Amino acid sequence: MGAMGSSSEAAEVVQAAEHLLWVLARADVENLSALRCDLLHRLDELERCAADLNIPDLYRQVLLRCW
């Protein structure tokens, strides 16, 4: 993976994405569709932050963090 920005910033973005993905999954399970649009918007913002920090694939980083 290429050089990232600040490792603490990158870790915060990955951690925030992981959290939102869990919330999104929970909202789907509980059929809370009203939350979905906001959560997806927030994930989109995190993807832009990740790109700015040279994290090429935010979701891959979330998965690597979980393993």
Protein backbone atom coordinates (compact mmCIF):
# COMPACT_ATOMS: atom_id res chain seq x y z
CA MET A 1 0.00 0.00 0.00
CA GLY A 2 1.58 3.39 -0.78
CA ALA A 3 2.68 5.99 1.69
CA MET A 4 -0.17 7.16 3.87
CA GLY A 5 -0.64 10.50 5.53
CA SER A 6 -0.40 10.64 9.28
CA SER A 7 -0.73 7.12 10.61
CA SER A 8 -2.96 8.32 13.46
CA GLU A 9 -5.26 10.13 11.02
CA ALA A 10 -5.39 7.07 8.80
CA ALA A 11 -6.15 4.83 11.78
CA GLU A 12 -8.96 7.16 12.88
CA VAL A 13 -10.53 7.13 9.40
CA VAL A 14 -10.35 3.33 9.20
CA GLN A 15 -11.77 2.97 12.72
CA ALA A 16 -14.62 5.39 11.95
CA ALA A 17 -15.43 3.49 8.75
CA GLU A 18 -15.47 0.20 10.64
CA HIS A 19 -17.86 1.66 13.20
CA LEU A 20 -20.20 3.07 10.54
CA LEU A 21 -20.22 -0.24 8.66
CA TRP A 22 -21.26 -2.06 11.85
CA VAL A 23 -23.99 0.54 12.47
CA LEU A 24 -25.14 0.20 8.87
CA ALA A 25 -25.30 -3.59 9.19
CA ARG A 26 -27.26 -3.28 12.44
CA ALA A 27 -29.65 -0.77 10.88
CA ASP A 28 -30.23 -3.18 7.98
CA VAL A 29 -30.91 -6.09 10.33
CA GLU A 30 -33.36 -4.01 12.35
CA ASN A 31 -34.92 -2.56 9.17
CA LEU A 32 -34.08 1.03 10.14
CA SER A 33 -33.96 2.33 6.60
CA ALA A 34 -34.26 5.97 7.71
CA LEU A 35 -30.65 5.81 8.97
CA ARG A 36 -29.23 4.27 5.81
CA CYS A 37 -28.94 7.44 3.71
CA ASP A 38 -27.12 9.36 6.47
CA LEU A 39 -24.76 6.47 7.14
CA LEU A 40 -23.92 6.08 3.46
CA HIS A 41 -23.28 9.82 3.20
CA ARG A 42 -20.92 9.65 6.19
CA LEU A 43 -19.11 6.65 4.67
CA ASP A 44 -18.72 8.60 1.43
CA GLU A 45 -17.10 11.45 3.38
CA LEU A 46 -14.72 8.97 5.01
CA GLU A 47 -13.81 7.55 1.60
CA ARG A 48 -12.82 11.06 0.48
CA CYS A 49 -10.75 11.53 3.64
CA ALA A 50 -9.10 8.17 3.03
CA ALA A 51 -8.23 9.18 -0.53
CA ASP A 52 -6.69 12.40 0.80
CA LEU A 53 -4.58 10.27 3.16
CA ASN A 54 -3.49 7.99 0.29
CA ILE A 55 -5.52 5.03 1.53
CA PRO A 56 -6.46 3.44 -1.80
CA ASP A 57 -9.14 1.04 -0.52
CA LEU A 58 -10.80 2.03 2.75
CA TYR A 59 -12.94 -1.10 2.95
CA ARG A 60 -9.93 -3.37 2.49
CA GLN A 61 -8.23 -1.55 5.36
CA VAL A 62 -11.32 -2.07 7.53
CA LEU A 63 -11.25 -5.79 6.76
CA LEU A 64 -7.53 -6.02 7.51
CA ARG A 65 -8.13 -4.28 10.84
CA CYS A 66 -10.83 -6.81 11.75
CA TRP A 67 -8.66 -9.86 11.08
